[in-house]
Protein backbone atom coordinates (compact mmCIF):
# COMPACT_ATOMS: atom_id res chain seq x y z
CA UNK A 1 -13.21 -39.31 25.66
CA UNK A 2 -14.10 -41.15 22.49
CA UNK A 3 -14.41 -40.13 18.85
CA UNK A 4 -18.18 -39.69 19.15
CA UNK A 5 -17.72 -37.12 21.94
CA UNK A 6 -15.35 -35.05 19.78
CA UNK A 7 -17.67 -35.29 16.79
CA UNK A 8 -20.57 -34.03 18.91
CA UNK A 9 -18.43 -31.23 20.35
CA UNK A 10 -17.42 -30.17 16.83
CA UNK A 11 -21.07 -30.12 15.73
CA UNK A 12 -22.01 -27.98 18.74
CA UNK A 13 -19.21 -25.46 18.12
CA UNK A 14 -19.54 -25.25 14.33
CA UNK A 15 -22.48 -22.77 14.32
CA UNK A 16 -20.58 -20.52 16.78
CA UNK A 17 -17.62 -20.32 14.41
CA UNK A 18 -19.86 -19.80 11.37
CA UNK A 19 -21.72 -16.99 13.11
CA UNK A 20 -18.39 -15.30 13.88
CA UNK A 21 -17.31 -15.70 10.25
CA UNK A 22 -20.48 -13.89 9.19
CA UNK A 23 -19.74 -11.14 11.72
CA UNK A 24 -16.22 -10.79 10.27
CA UNK A 25 -17.54 -10.74 6.70
CA UNK A 26 -19.82 -7.82 7.61
CA UNK A 27 -16.97 -6.13 9.52
CA UNK A 28 -14.52 -6.48 6.60
CA UNK A 29 -17.06 -5.00 4.21
CA UNK A 30 -17.99 -2.15 6.58
CA UNK A 31 -14.47 -1.23 7.77
CA UNK A 32 -12.11 -2.33 4.99
CA UNK A 33 -14.48 -2.43 1.99
CA UNK A 34 -13.39 -6.03 1.32
CA UNK A 35 -16.18 -8.42 0.32
CA UNK A 36 -15.33 -11.73 1.98
CA UNK A 37 -16.41 -14.84 0.06
CA UNK A 38 -16.49 -17.73 2.53
CA UNK A 39 -16.54 -21.30 1.23
CA UNK A 40 -19.15 -23.46 2.95
CA UNK A 41 -18.39 -26.97 1.71
CA UNK A 42 -15.65 -29.04 3.31
CA UNK A 43 -14.28 -29.88 -0.17
CA UNK A 44 -13.68 -26.22 -1.04
CA UNK A 45 -12.34 -25.40 2.41
CA UNK A 46 -9.85 -28.31 2.32
CA UNK A 47 -8.78 -27.81 -1.30
CA UNK A 48 -8.56 -24.01 -1.28
CA UNK A 49 -9.12 -22.49 2.14
CA UNK A 50 -11.70 -20.81 4.30
CA UNK A 51 -12.44 -18.09 1.76
CA UNK A 52 -11.36 -16.77 -1.61
CA UNK A 53 -9.35 -13.91 -0.08
CA UNK A 54 -7.02 -16.12 1.96
CA UNK A 55 -8.13 -14.87 5.38
CA UNK A 56 -8.12 -17.51 8.13
CA UNK A 57 -10.72 -16.44 10.71
CA UNK A 58 -10.54 -17.61 14.31
CA UNK A 59 -12.99 -16.82 17.08
CA UNK A 60 -11.26 -16.71 20.46
CA UNK A 61 -14.17 -16.71 22.90
CA UNK A 62 -11.83 -16.54 25.89
CA UNK A 63 -9.93 -13.44 24.76
CA UNK A 64 -12.08 -10.91 26.64
CA UNK A 65 -11.32 -12.72 29.93
CA UNK A 66 -7.72 -13.85 29.41
CA UNK A 67 -6.35 -11.05 27.16
CA UNK A 68 -4.44 -13.81 25.33
CA UNK A 69 -5.00 -15.22 21.85
CA UNK A 70 -4.66 -18.97 21.30
CA UNK A 71 -2.47 -19.43 18.23
CA UNK A 72 -2.81 -23.02 17.10
CA UNK A 73 0.11 -24.86 15.49
CA UNK A 74 -1.11 -28.48 15.60
CA UNK A 75 -4.33 -30.39 16.13
CA UNK A 76 -5.86 -33.83 16.18
CA UNK A 77 -9.47 -34.89 16.06
CA UNK A 78 -9.31 -37.61 18.73
CA UNK A 79 -6.84 -38.66 21.41
CA UNK A 80 -5.85 -41.84 19.56
CA UNK A 81 -4.56 -39.84 16.58
CA UNK A 82 -1.21 -38.16 16.13
CA UNK A 83 -0.96 -34.39 15.97
CA UNK A 84 -0.68 -32.79 12.53
CA UNK A 85 0.12 -29.25 11.38
CA UNK A 86 -2.85 -26.92 11.62
CA UNK A 87 -3.73 -23.34 12.49
CA UNK A 88 -0.89 -21.12 11.29
CA UNK A 89 0.63 -24.13 9.49
CA UNK A 90 -2.56 -25.18 7.69
CA UNK A 91 -1.66 -25.84 4.06
CA UNK A 92 -4.20 -23.72 2.20
CA UNK A 93 -4.47 -20.31 0.53
CA UNK A 94 -4.43 -18.38 3.84
CA UNK A 95 -1.84 -15.62 4.07
CA UNK A 96 -3.68 -13.52 6.67
CA UNK A 97 -4.64 -14.83 10.12
CA UNK A 98 -7.59 -12.98 11.66
CA UNK A 99 -8.34 -13.65 15.32
CA UNK A 100 -10.56 -11.96 17.87
CA UNK A 101 -14.00 -11.78 19.36
CA UNK A 102 -17.10 -9.65 18.83
CA UNK A 103 -15.39 -6.51 20.14
CA UNK A 104 -12.06 -6.58 18.27
CA UNK A 105 -10.37 -8.40 15.41
CA UNK A 106 -6.61 -8.55 14.91
CA UNK A 107 -5.07 -9.35 11.52
CA UNK A 108 -1.59 -10.85 11.34
CA UNK A 109 0.47 -12.12 8.47
CA UNK A 110 0.37 -15.90 8.76
CA UNK A 111 4.07 -16.14 7.96
CA UNK A 112 4.87 -13.64 10.73
CA UNK A 113 3.04 -15.82 13.29
CA UNK A 114 5.02 -18.83 12.03
CA UNK A 115 8.24 -16.88 12.61
CA UNK A 116 7.07 -15.95 16.13
CA UNK A 117 6.46 -19.64 16.83
CA UNK A 118 9.84 -20.64 15.41
CA UNK A 119 11.59 -18.03 17.56
CA UNK A 120 10.70 -20.15 20.64
CA UNK A 121 9.70 -16.96 22.43
CA UNK A 122 6.36 -18.46 23.37
CA UNK A 123 5.90 -21.81 25.12
CA UNK A 124 3.96 -24.44 23.17
CA UNK A 125 1.17 -25.88 25.30
CA UNK A 126 -1.64 -28.36 24.83
CA UNK A 127 -5.28 -27.35 25.29
CA UNK A 128 -7.44 -28.91 28.01
CA UNK A 129 -9.17 -31.29 25.58
CA UNK A 130 -5.75 -32.49 24.38
CA UNK A 131 -6.78 -31.89 20.75
CA UNK A 132 -4.71 -28.82 19.98
CA UNK A 133 -1.24 -27.43 20.58
CA UNK A 134 -0.34 -23.79 20.33
CA UNK A 135 0.91 -20.74 22.13
CA UNK A 136 -0.69 -17.84 23.92
CA UNK A 137 -0.12 -14.44 22.35
CA UNK A 138 -0.78 -11.74 24.97
CA UNK A 139 -2.76 -8.69 23.88
CA UNK A 140 0.26 -6.50 24.68
CA UNK A 141 2.25 -8.40 22.04
CA UNK A 142 -0.69 -8.51 19.64
CA UNK A 143 -0.85 -4.71 19.86
CA UNK A 144 2.83 -4.56 18.80
CA UNK A 145 2.65 -7.06 15.94
CA UNK A 146 -0.72 -6.74 14.22
CA UNK A 147 -1.02 -5.84 10.56
CA UNK A 148 -4.46 -4.36 11.09
CA UNK A 149 -6.80 -4.06 14.07
CA UNK A 150 -10.55 -3.58 13.73
CA UNK A 151 -12.57 -2.59 16.75
CA UNK A 152 -16.26 -3.25 16.28
CA UNK A 153 -17.91 0.15 15.80
CA UNK A 154 -20.52 1.31 18.29
CA UNK A 155 -23.94 0.33 16.99
CA UNK A 156 -22.54 -2.21 14.50
CA UNK A 157 -25.17 -4.80 13.59
CA UNK A 158 -24.64 -7.90 15.66
CA UNK A 159 -27.06 -10.74 15.10
CA UNK A 160 -25.70 -13.22 17.60
CA UNK A 161 -24.72 -13.20 21.21
CA UNK A 162 -21.05 -12.45 21.48
CA UNK A 163 -18.87 -11.25 24.29
CA UNK A 164 -19.18 -7.60 23.35
């Protein structure tokens, strides 16, 4: 797979992630009364972070089927590149790692997830595209370790097709 393939894949998946960010912004406001200010430009996202509040938001579209969260520790854009720190090791303003799908969102301290990784309790694996390394956090463990858990309320406005 060449660089053009990965670029196209990124462009196809970008709106899915943005739609989930919007869902989370509405959820944070509704459930936690926190207005989330997401940065849209790559410059702001790379220099500061995903949003002003320091919440890293990840949509795990496989969670409802696998009951595992993919916690990324490294990534690369193409196969000819080396892996670099990403996900829970992304160097930005994020202190809270928010991961879930349209039915539930788990919030974890980013530092806590780093400590989980460093404990070697979970095996580090590579994703199928060979662009990301991370570990699977089972829902049973997520339910023990979360800082906050938000289940999408019945009748909550959902503008896109999600898994819920």
